[in-house]
């Protein structure tokens, strides 16, 4: 469980943001930021994330949606937390199905296969319960998330990954769009391969028991922070199986039953 801490000062938050900014600018991972903001101080970690997000928006990036992380109980236990986290997706993070991603586009890339939801309505008012979230979802697609860490060797605590935009890197969406009336996210089965070898499998139930419940959690968090989810945004709902490292030249292929497949290749 996260512990109570004395408030983290603005100077420490700024220093953590500067460290992560340097990693993004130079392409060289940096030491963790938990020495500045703590391992599990939720407020401080999101303050760093919000600072870096504001900088990206000011520089011209457009928010395309959100990603949800830490939806697996096993991963939560590993990092000593009892809740998921989230980060922002920007327009320059998306690659088309079948694309070649430059090997240096994402620092220390690791891959996950998941269900992405595209919203057809805002989630800004009302109870934000499962019924409302389902109604707001326009369609689901298969997705590959390319996670990346600005922290050297992925040596992350909860605070480190939240500050680092939930280790977001890039993402690829499949082209088969399926409304929830024709798709059950809980029962969906995922298989992910790298160069033809199966490296990860799982089901929708691995994502907080139901990927839609992950979006419910996110919708409430986003509204509480004053930046609610909006129509047209993409939500990467969380991995359906273990995250795996990937190397230059690899081709990744993921299949989610009911949603078809999605693939991406990393340049050599």
C-alpha atoms as a PDB file:
ATOM      1  CA  UNK A   1       0.000   0.000   0.000  1.00  0.00           C
ATOM      2  CA  UNK A   2       1.245   3.525  -0.705  1.00  0.00           C
ATOM      3  CA  UNK A   3       2.520   5.237   2.442  1.00  0.00           C
ATOM      4  CA  UNK A   4       1.861   8.713   3.802  1.00  0.00           C
ATOM      5  CA  UNK A   5       4.682  11.119   3.041  1.00  0.00           C
ATOM      6  CA  UNK A   6       5.544  14.710   3.815  1.00  0.00           C
ATOM      7  CA  UNK A   7       4.730  16.797   0.743  1.00  0.00           C
ATOM      8  CA  UNK A   8       7.316  16.668  -2.026  1.00  0.00           C
ATOM      9  CA  UNK A   9       8.556  20.163  -2.799  1.00  0.00           C
ATOM     10  CA  UNK A  10       8.218  21.942  -6.123  1.00  0.00           C
ATOM     11  CA  UNK A  11      11.998  21.904  -6.529  1.00  0.00           C
ATOM     12  CA  UNK A  12      12.092  18.118  -6.328  1.00  0.00           C
ATOM     13  CA  UNK A  13       9.236  17.798  -8.815  1.00  0.00           C
ATOM     14  CA  UNK A  14      11.017  20.152 -11.211  1.00  0.00           C
ATOM     15  CA  UNK A  15      14.275  18.236 -10.815  1.00  0.00           C
ATOM     16  CA  UNK A  16      12.565  14.925 -11.560  1.00  0.00           C
ATOM     17  CA  UNK A  17      10.936  16.409 -14.653  1.00  0.00           C
ATOM     18  CA  UNK A  18      14.291  17.793 -15.799  1.00  0.00           C
ATOM     19  CA  UNK A  19      15.961  14.394 -15.426  1.00  0.00           C
ATOM     20  CA  UNK A  20      13.307  12.645 -17.509  1.00  0.00           C
ATOM     21  CA  UNK A  21      13.283  15.484 -20.052  1.00  0.00           C
ATOM     22  CA  UNK A  22      17.033  15.030 -20.518  1.00  0.00           C
ATOM     23  CA  UNK A  23      16.572  11.319 -21.231  1.00  0.00           C
ATOM     24  CA  UNK A  24      13.912  12.016 -23.854  1.00  0.00           C
ATOM     25  CA  UNK A  25      16.044  14.722 -25.488  1.00  0.00           C
ATOM     26  CA  UNK A  26      19.316  12.801 -25.583  1.00  0.00           C
ATOM     27  CA  UNK A  27      18.047   9.255 -26.089  1.00  0.00           C
ATOM     28  CA  UNK A  28      20.073   8.152 -23.071  1.00  0.00           C
ATOM     29  CA  UNK A  29      18.223   6.606 -20.115  1.00  0.00           C
ATOM     30  CA  UNK A  30      18.743   8.217 -16.712  1.00  0.00           C
ATOM     31  CA  UNK A  31      18.708   7.097 -13.108  1.00  0.00           C
ATOM     32  CA  UNK A  32      15.324   6.661 -11.397  1.00  0.00           C
ATOM     33  CA  UNK A  33      13.592   9.735  -9.995  1.00  0.00           C
ATOM     34  CA  UNK A  34      12.377   8.100  -6.775  1.00  0.00           C
ATOM     35  CA  UNK A  35      15.279   9.693  -4.909  1.00  0.00           C
ATOM     36  CA  UNK A  36      13.519  13.007  -5.610  1.00  0.00           C
ATOM     37  CA  UNK A  37       9.809  12.142  -5.332  1.00  0.00           C
ATOM     38  CA  UNK A  38       9.636   8.832  -3.454  1.00  0.00           C
ATOM     39  CA  UNK A  39       8.711   5.330  -4.575  1.00  0.00           C
ATOM     40  CA  UNK A  40       4.953   5.560  -4.176  1.00  0.00           C
ATOM     41  CA  UNK A  41       3.924   9.188  -3.692  1.00  0.00           C
ATOM     42  CA  UNK A  42       1.005   9.304  -6.125  1.00  0.00           C
ATOM     43  CA  UNK A  43       0.498  13.063  -5.993  1.00  0.00           C
ATOM     44  CA  UNK A  44       4.156  13.897  -6.605  1.00  0.00           C
ATOM     45  CA  UNK A  45       4.517  11.357  -9.423  1.00  0.00           C
ATOM     46  CA  UNK A  46       1.508  12.717 -11.314  1.00  0.00           C
ATOM     47  CA  UNK A  47       2.750  16.268 -10.733  1.00  0.00           C
ATOM     48  CA  UNK A  48       5.935  15.373 -12.621  1.00  0.00           C
ATOM     49  CA  UNK A  49       3.904  13.705 -15.375  1.00  0.00           C
ATOM     50  CA  UNK A  50       1.594  16.706 -15.683  1.00  0.00           C
ATOM     51  CA  UNK A  51       4.565  19.073 -15.950  1.00  0.00           C
ATOM     52  CA  UNK A  52       6.114  17.100 -18.789  1.00  0.00           C
ATOM     53  CA  UNK A  53       2.723  16.692 -20.485  1.00  0.00           C
ATOM     54  CA  UNK A  54       2.115  20.440 -20.393  1.00  0.00           C
ATOM     55  CA  UNK A  55       5.520  21.000 -21.995  1.00  0.00           C
ATOM     56  CA  UNK A  56       4.731  18.608 -24.845  1.00  0.00           C
ATOM     57  CA  UNK A  57       1.388  20.284 -25.488  1.00  0.00           C
ATOM     58  CA  UNK A  58       3.028  23.720 -25.430  1.00  0.00           C
ATOM     59  CA  UNK A  59       5.528  22.456 -28.006  1.00  0.00           C
ATOM     60  CA  UNK A  60       2.686  21.501 -30.356  1.00  0.00           C
ATOM     61  CA  UNK A  61       1.784  17.920 -29.511  1.00  0.00           C
ATOM     62  CA  UNK A  62      -1.892  16.933 -29.436  1.00  0.00           C
ATOM     63  CA  UNK A  63      -3.360  14.563 -26.849  1.00  0.00           C
ATOM     64  CA  UNK A  64      -4.743  11.502 -28.653  1.00  0.00           C
ATOM     65  CA  UNK A  65      -5.904   9.628 -25.568  1.00  0.00           C
ATOM     66  CA  UNK A  66      -4.567   7.730 -22.583  1.00  0.00           C
ATOM     67  CA  UNK A  67      -2.871   4.465 -21.729  1.00  0.00           C
ATOM     68  CA  UNK A  68      -3.641   2.455 -18.613  1.00  0.00           C
ATOM     69  CA  UNK A  69      -0.863   0.514 -16.941  1.00  0.00           C
ATOM     70  CA  UNK A  70      -0.408  -1.780 -13.959  1.00  0.00           C
ATOM     71  CA  UNK A  71      -3.725  -3.537 -14.594  1.00  0.00           C
ATOM     72  CA  UNK A  72      -2.238  -6.903 -13.628  1.00  0.00           C
ATOM     73  CA  UNK A  73      -2.417  -7.878  -9.958  1.00  0.00           C
ATOM     74  CA  UNK A  74       0.967  -9.572 -10.274  1.00  0.00           C
ATOM     75  CA  UNK A  75       2.607  -6.387 -11.539  1.00  0.00           C
ATOM     76  CA  UNK A  76       0.873  -4.322  -8.824  1.00  0.00           C
ATOM     77  CA  UNK A  77       2.295  -6.664  -6.186  1.00  0.00           C
ATOM     78  CA  UNK A  78       5.733  -6.415  -7.784  1.00  0.00           C
ATOM     79  CA  UNK A  79       5.711  -2.618  -7.474  1.00  0.00           C
ATOM     80  CA  UNK A  80       3.944  -2.575  -4.110  1.00  0.00           C
ATOM     81  CA  UNK A  81       0.827  -0.689  -5.230  1.00  0.00           C
ATOM     82  CA  UNK A  82      -2.886  -1.386  -5.212  1.00  0.00           C
ATOM     83  CA  UNK A  83      -4.078   0.595  -8.218  1.00  0.00           C
ATOM     84  CA  UNK A  84      -3.376   1.019 -11.921  1.00  0.00           C
ATOM     85  CA  UNK A  85      -1.702   4.080 -13.369  1.00  0.00           C
ATOM     86  CA  UNK A  86      -2.156   6.058 -16.561  1.00  0.00           C
ATOM     87  CA  UNK A  87      -0.232   8.171 -19.020  1.00  0.00           C
ATOM     88  CA  UNK A  88      -1.010  10.371 -22.002  1.00  0.00           C
ATOM     89  CA  UNK A  89      -0.972   9.307 -25.644  1.00  0.00           C
ATOM     90  CA  UNK A  90       0.090  11.966 -28.151  1.00  0.00           C
ATOM     91  CA  UNK A  91      -0.577  12.150 -31.872  1.00  0.00           C
ATOM     92  CA  UNK A  92       3.064  11.478 -32.737  1.00  0.00           C
ATOM     93  CA  UNK A  93       3.027   8.138 -30.872  1.00  0.00           C
ATOM     94  CA  UNK A  94       0.663   6.343 -33.259  1.00  0.00           C
ATOM     95  CA  UNK A  95       1.904   4.096 -36.053  1.00  0.00           C
ATOM     96  CA  UNK A  96      -0.298   2.440 -38.655  1.00  0.00           C
ATOM     97  CA  UNK A  97      -0.876  -1.309 -38.683  1.00  0.00           C
ATOM     98  CA  UNK A  98       2.052  -2.975 -40.453  1.00  0.00           C
ATOM     99  CA  UNK A  99       4.353   0.026 -40.035  1.00  0.00           C
ATOM    100  CA  UNK A 100       8.095  -0.016 -39.570  1.00  0.00           C
ATOM    101  CA  UNK A 101       9.033   1.798 -36.363  1.00  0.00           C
ATOM    102  CA  UNK A 102      12.516   3.319 -36.237  1.00  0.00           C
ATOM    103  CA  UNK A 103      14.661   1.369 -33.777  1.00  0.00           C
ATOM    104  CA  UNK A 104      15.461   4.541 -31.855  1.00  0.00           C
ATOM    105  CA  UNK A 105      11.886   5.859 -31.680  1.00  0.00           C
ATOM    106  CA  UNK A 106      11.271   4.364 -28.232  1.00  0.00           C
ATOM    107  CA  UNK A 107      13.871   4.024 -25.490  1.00  0.00           C
ATOM    108  CA  UNK A 108      14.361   0.459 -24.229  1.00  0.00           C
ATOM    109  CA  UNK A 109      11.242  -0.788 -26.032  1.00  0.00           C
ATOM    110  CA  UNK A 110       9.034  -3.515 -24.620  1.00  0.00           C
ATOM    111  CA  UNK A 111       5.797  -4.699 -26.187  1.00  0.00           C
ATOM    112  CA  UNK A 112       2.333  -5.543 -24.927  1.00  0.00           C
ATOM    113  CA  UNK A 113      -0.819  -6.640 -26.730  1.00  0.00           C
ATOM    114  CA  UNK A 114      -4.115  -5.230 -25.570  1.00  0.00           C
ATOM    115  CA  UNK A 115      -7.571  -3.968 -26.440  1.00  0.00           C
ATOM    116  CA  UNK A 116      -7.883  -0.323 -27.432  1.00  0.00           C
ATOM    117  CA  UNK A 117     -11.173   1.524 -27.156  1.00  0.00           C
ATOM    118  CA  UNK A 118     -12.033   4.590 -29.213  1.00  0.00           C
ATOM    119  CA  UNK A 119     -14.572   6.896 -27.605  1.00  0.00           C
ATOM    120  CA  UNK A 120     -17.595   8.220 -29.416  1.00  0.00           C
ATOM    121  CA  UNK A 121     -18.724  10.481 -26.569  1.00  0.00           C
ATOM    122  CA  UNK A 122     -17.136  12.509 -23.774  1.00  0.00           C
ATOM    123  CA  UNK A 123     -16.800  10.975 -20.322  1.00  0.00           C
ATOM    124  CA  UNK A 124     -17.001  14.209 -18.366  1.00  0.00           C
ATOM    125  CA  UNK A 125     -20.333  14.098 -16.523  1.00  0.00           C
ATOM    126  CA  UNK A 126     -22.592  11.563 -14.860  1.00  0.00           C
ATOM    127  CA  UNK A 127     -21.741   8.505 -12.746  1.00  0.00           C
ATOM    128  CA  UNK A 128     -19.025   7.261 -15.114  1.00  0.00           C
ATOM    129  CA  UNK A 129     -20.076   3.709 -14.387  1.00  0.00           C
ATOM    130  CA  UNK A 130     -19.661   0.675 -16.630  1.00  0.00           C
ATOM    131  CA  UNK A 131     -22.976   1.259 -18.392  1.00  0.00           C
ATOM    132  CA  UNK A 132     -22.074   4.846 -19.269  1.00  0.00           C
ATOM    133  CA  UNK A 133     -18.563   3.900 -20.365  1.00  0.00           C
ATOM    134  CA  UNK A 134     -19.873   1.121 -22.603  1.00  0.00           C
ATOM    135  CA  UNK A 135     -22.313   3.549 -24.174  1.00  0.00           C
ATOM    136  CA  UNK A 136     -19.510   6.043 -24.786  1.00  0.00           C
ATOM    137  CA  UNK A 137     -17.211   3.543 -26.518  1.00  0.00           C
ATOM    138  CA  UNK A 138     -17.607   3.712 -30.287  1.00  0.00           C
ATOM    139  CA  UNK A 139     -15.507   0.656 -31.079  1.00  0.00           C
ATOM    140  CA  UNK A 140     -12.682  -1.623 -29.960  1.00  0.00           C
ATOM    141  CA  UNK A 141      -9.578  -2.586 -31.927  1.00  0.00           C
ATOM    142  CA  UNK A 142      -6.609  -4.855 -31.360  1.00  0.00           C
ATOM    143  CA  UNK A 143      -3.526  -2.913 -30.323  1.00  0.00           C
ATOM    144  CA  UNK A 144       0.183  -3.274 -29.717  1.00  0.00           C
ATOM    145  CA  UNK A 145       1.630  -0.912 -27.164  1.00  0.00           C
ATOM    146  CA  UNK A 146       5.332  -0.178 -27.420  1.00  0.00           C
ATOM    147  CA  UNK A 147       6.267   0.721 -23.875  1.00  0.00           C
ATOM    148  CA  UNK A 148       9.443   2.669 -23.290  1.00  0.00           C
ATOM    149  CA  UNK A 149      11.305   3.780 -20.215  1.00  0.00           C
ATOM    150  CA  UNK A 150      13.459   6.829 -19.829  1.00  0.00           C
ATOM    151  CA  UNK A 151      14.760   5.143 -16.646  1.00  0.00           C
ATOM    152  CA  UNK A 152      17.901   3.053 -17.134  1.00  0.00           C
ATOM    153  CA  UNK A 153      17.415  -0.722 -17.157  1.00  0.00           C
ATOM    154  CA  UNK A 154      13.691  -0.333 -16.418  1.00  0.00           C
ATOM    155  CA  UNK A 155      14.645   0.059 -12.763  1.00  0.00           C
ATOM    156  CA  UNK A 156      11.245   1.499 -11.854  1.00  0.00           C
ATOM    157  CA  UNK A 157       9.044   1.918  -8.825  1.00  0.00           C
ATOM    158  CA  UNK A 158       5.457   3.130  -9.037  1.00  0.00           C
ATOM    159  CA  UNK A 159       6.638   6.713  -8.686  1.00  0.00           C
ATOM    160  CA  UNK A 160       9.200   6.354 -11.458  1.00  0.00           C
ATOM    161  CA  UNK A 161       6.814   4.946 -14.041  1.00  0.00           C
ATOM    162  CA  UNK A 162       3.999   7.392 -13.271  1.00  0.00           C
ATOM    163  CA  UNK A 163       6.369  10.355 -13.508  1.00  0.00           C
ATOM    164  CA  UNK A 164       7.661   8.921 -16.789  1.00  0.00           C
ATOM    165  CA  UNK A 165       4.190   9.103 -18.387  1.00  0.00           C
ATOM    166  CA  UNK A 166       3.432   5.518 -17.338  1.00  0.00           C
ATOM    167  CA  UNK A 167       6.337   4.316 -19.503  1.00  0.00           C
ATOM    168  CA  UNK A 168       4.443   5.249 -22.677  1.00  0.00           C
ATOM    169  CA  UNK A 169       6.331   5.050 -25.944  1.00  0.00           C
ATOM    170  CA  UNK A 170       4.230   4.358 -29.037  1.00  0.00           C
ATOM    171  CA  UNK A 171       1.241   2.308 -30.147  1.00  0.00           C
ATOM    172  CA  UNK A 172      -0.226   0.558 -33.172  1.00  0.00           C
ATOM    173  CA  UNK A 173      -3.952   0.063 -33.758  1.00  0.00           C
ATOM    174  CA  UNK A 174      -5.519  -2.685 -35.815  1.00  0.00           C
ATOM    175  CA  UNK A 175      -7.871  -1.806 -38.644  1.00  0.00           C
ATOM    176  CA  UNK A 176     -10.870  -3.964 -37.673  1.00  0.00           C
ATOM    177  CA  UNK A 177     -13.253  -1.779 -35.665  1.00  0.00           C
ATOM    178  CA  UNK A 178     -15.828  -3.691 -33.638  1.00  0.00           C
ATOM    179  CA  UNK A 179     -18.602  -2.163 -31.495  1.00  0.00           C
ATOM    180  CA  UNK A 180     -19.105  -3.645 -28.035  1.00  0.00           C
ATOM    181  CA  UNK A 181     -22.473  -5.013 -29.135  1.00  0.00           C
ATOM    182  CA  UNK A 182     -20.487  -7.547 -31.154  1.00  0.00           C
ATOM    183  CA  UNK A 183     -17.531  -8.132 -28.860  1.00  0.00           C
ATOM    184  CA  UNK A 184     -16.970  -9.350 -25.296  1.00  0.00           C
ATOM    185  CA  UNK A 185     -13.714  -7.865 -23.962  1.00  0.00           C
ATOM    186  CA  UNK A 186     -13.560 -10.228 -20.964  1.00  0.00           C
ATOM    187  CA  UNK A 187     -13.637 -13.386 -23.058  1.00  0.00           C
ATOM    188  CA  UNK A 188     -11.180 -12.151 -25.683  1.00  0.00           C
ATOM    189  CA  UNK A 189      -8.043 -14.248 -26.057  1.00  0.00           C
ATOM    190  CA  UNK A 190      -4.720 -12.708 -27.058  1.00  0.00           C
ATOM    191  CA  UNK A 191      -1.660 -14.233 -28.662  1.00  0.00           C
ATOM    192  CA  UNK A 192       1.468 -12.201 -29.424  1.00  0.00           C
ATOM    193  CA  UNK A 193       4.427 -13.406 -31.430  1.00  0.00           C
ATOM    194  CA  UNK A 194       7.880 -12.021 -32.198  1.00  0.00           C
ATOM    195  CA  UNK A 195       9.330 -13.296 -35.473  1.00  0.00           C
ATOM    196  CA  UNK A 196       6.787 -16.109 -35.417  1.00  0.00           C
ATOM    197  CA  UNK A 197       7.514 -17.303 -31.885  1.00  0.00           C
ATOM    198  CA  UNK A 198       4.737 -16.972 -29.304  1.00  0.00           C
ATOM    199  CA  UNK A 199       5.968 -14.749 -26.472  1.00  0.00           C
ATOM    200  CA  UNK A 200       2.772 -13.731 -24.656  1.00  0.00           C
ATOM    201  CA  UNK A 201      -0.775 -14.998 -24.237  1.00  0.00           C
ATOM    202  CA  UNK A 202      -3.709 -13.977 -22.074  1.00  0.00           C
ATOM    203  CA  UNK A 203      -7.353 -12.996 -21.909  1.00  0.00           C
ATOM    204  CA  UNK A 204      -9.419  -9.894 -21.308  1.00  0.00           C
ATOM    205  CA  UNK A 205     -10.040 -11.057 -17.760  1.00  0.00           C
ATOM    206  CA  UNK A 206      -6.338 -10.366 -17.023  1.00  0.00           C
ATOM    207  CA  UNK A 207      -7.037  -6.635 -17.303  1.00  0.00           C
ATOM    208  CA  UNK A 208      -8.667  -5.754 -13.948  1.00  0.00           C
ATOM    209  CA  UNK A 209     -11.133  -8.575 -14.567  1.00  0.00           C
ATOM    210  CA  UNK A 210     -12.715  -6.602 -17.430  1.00  0.00           C
ATOM    211  CA  UNK A 211     -10.997  -4.071 -19.732  1.00  0.00           C
ATOM    212  CA  UNK A 212     -14.111  -1.883 -19.577  1.00  0.00           C
ATOM    213  CA  UNK A 213     -13.646  -1.589 -15.805  1.00  0.00           C
ATOM    214  CA  UNK A 214     -10.145  -0.290 -16.488  1.00  0.00           C
ATOM    215  CA  UNK A 215     -11.699   2.479 -18.597  1.00  0.00           C
ATOM    216  CA  UNK A 216     -14.196   3.211 -15.789  1.00  0.00           C
ATOM    217  CA  UNK A 217     -11.267   3.683 -13.398  1.00  0.00           C
ATOM    218  CA  UNK A 218      -9.478   5.913 -15.903  1.00  0.00           C
ATOM    219  CA  UNK A 219     -12.551   8.019 -16.687  1.00  0.00           C
ATOM    220  CA  UNK A 220     -13.006   8.845 -13.013  1.00  0.00           C
ATOM    221  CA  UNK A 221      -9.322   9.596 -12.467  1.00  0.00           C
ATOM    222  CA  UNK A 222      -9.161  11.812 -15.544  1.00  0.00           C
ATOM    223  CA  UNK A 223     -12.230  13.788 -14.508  1.00  0.00           C
ATOM    224  CA  UNK A 224     -10.942  14.183 -10.951  1.00  0.00           C
ATOM    225  CA  UNK A 225      -7.736  15.669 -12.350  1.00  0.00           C
ATOM    226  CA  UNK A 226      -9.667  18.120 -14.515  1.00  0.00           C
ATOM    227  CA  UNK A 227      -8.866  16.547 -17.876  1.00  0.00           C
ATOM    228  CA  UNK A 228     -11.761  14.195 -18.696  1.00  0.00           C
ATOM    229  CA  UNK A 229     -11.750  11.726 -21.556  1.00  0.00           C
ATOM    230  CA  UNK A 230     -13.161  13.137 -24.786  1.00  0.00           C
ATOM    231  CA  UNK A 231     -14.900  11.781 -27.886  1.00  0.00           C
ATOM    232  CA  UNK A 232     -12.402  10.582 -30.467  1.00  0.00           C
ATOM    233  CA  UNK A 233      -9.719   9.719 -27.946  1.00  0.00           C
ATOM    234  CA  UNK A 234      -8.002   6.323 -27.827  1.00  0.00           C
ATOM    235  CA  UNK A 235      -7.738   4.371 -24.584  1.00  0.00           C
ATOM    236  CA  UNK A 236      -5.188   1.573 -24.366  1.00  0.00           C
ATOM    237  CA  UNK A 237      -6.859  -0.455 -21.643  1.00  0.00           C
ATOM    238  CA  UNK A 238      -3.944  -2.539 -20.362  1.00  0.00           C
ATOM    239  CA  UNK A 239      -1.931  -5.604 -21.252  1.00  0.00           C
ATOM    240  CA  UNK A 240      -3.672  -8.950 -21.663  1.00  0.00           C
ATOM    241  CA  UNK A 241      -0.429 -10.856 -21.114  1.00  0.00           C
ATOM    242  CA  UNK A 242       3.188 -10.352 -20.071  1.00  0.00           C
ATOM    243  CA  UNK A 243       5.225  -7.474 -21.482  1.00  0.00           C
ATOM    244  CA  UNK A 244       8.217  -8.586 -23.534  1.00  0.00           C
ATOM    245  CA  UNK A 245      11.432  -6.885 -24.704  1.00  0.00           C
ATOM    246  CA  UNK A 246      11.966  -6.390 -28.425  1.00  0.00           C
ATOM    247  CA  UNK A 247      15.119  -5.898 -30.482  1.00  0.00           C
ATOM    248  CA  UNK A 248      15.870  -4.089 -33.760  1.00  0.00           C
ATOM    249  CA  UNK A 249      14.680  -5.978 -36.833  1.00  0.00           C
ATOM    250  CA  UNK A 250      11.925  -7.871 -34.999  1.00  0.00           C
ATOM    251  CA  UNK A 251       8.392  -8.227 -36.326  1.00  0.00           C
ATOM    252  CA  UNK A 252       5.598  -8.328 -33.748  1.00  0.00           C
ATOM    253  CA  UNK A 253       2.177  -9.787 -34.509  1.00  0.00           C
ATOM    254  CA  UNK A 254      -0.759  -9.824 -32.098  1.00  0.00           C
ATOM    255  CA  UNK A 255      -4.178 -11.428 -32.479  1.00  0.00           C
ATOM    256  CA  UNK A 256      -7.186 -10.736 -30.258  1.00  0.00           C
ATOM    257  CA  UNK A 257     -10.190 -12.974 -30.838  1.00  0.00           C
ATOM    258  CA  UNK A 258     -13.066 -10.949 -32.203  1.00  0.00           C
ATOM    259  CA  UNK A 259     -10.828  -8.052 -33.196  1.00  0.00           C
ATOM    260  CA  UNK A 260      -8.420  -9.637 -35.664  1.00  0.00           C
ATOM    261  CA  UNK A 261      -4.723  -8.882 -35.732  1.00  0.00           C
ATOM    262  CA  UNK A 262      -2.216  -6.055 -35.686  1.00  0.00           C
ATOM    263  CA  UNK A 263       1.496  -6.023 -36.493  1.00  0.00           C
ATOM    264  CA  UNK A 264       4.574  -3.830 -36.441  1.00  0.00           C
ATOM    265  CA  UNK A 265       8.226  -4.203 -37.402  1.00  0.00           C
ATOM    266  CA  UNK A 266      11.202  -2.507 -35.794  1.00  0.00           C
ATOM    267  CA  UNK A 267      13.899  -1.248 -38.143  1.00  0.00           C
ATOM    268  CA  UNK A 268      17.264  -2.985 -37.912  1.00  0.00           C
END
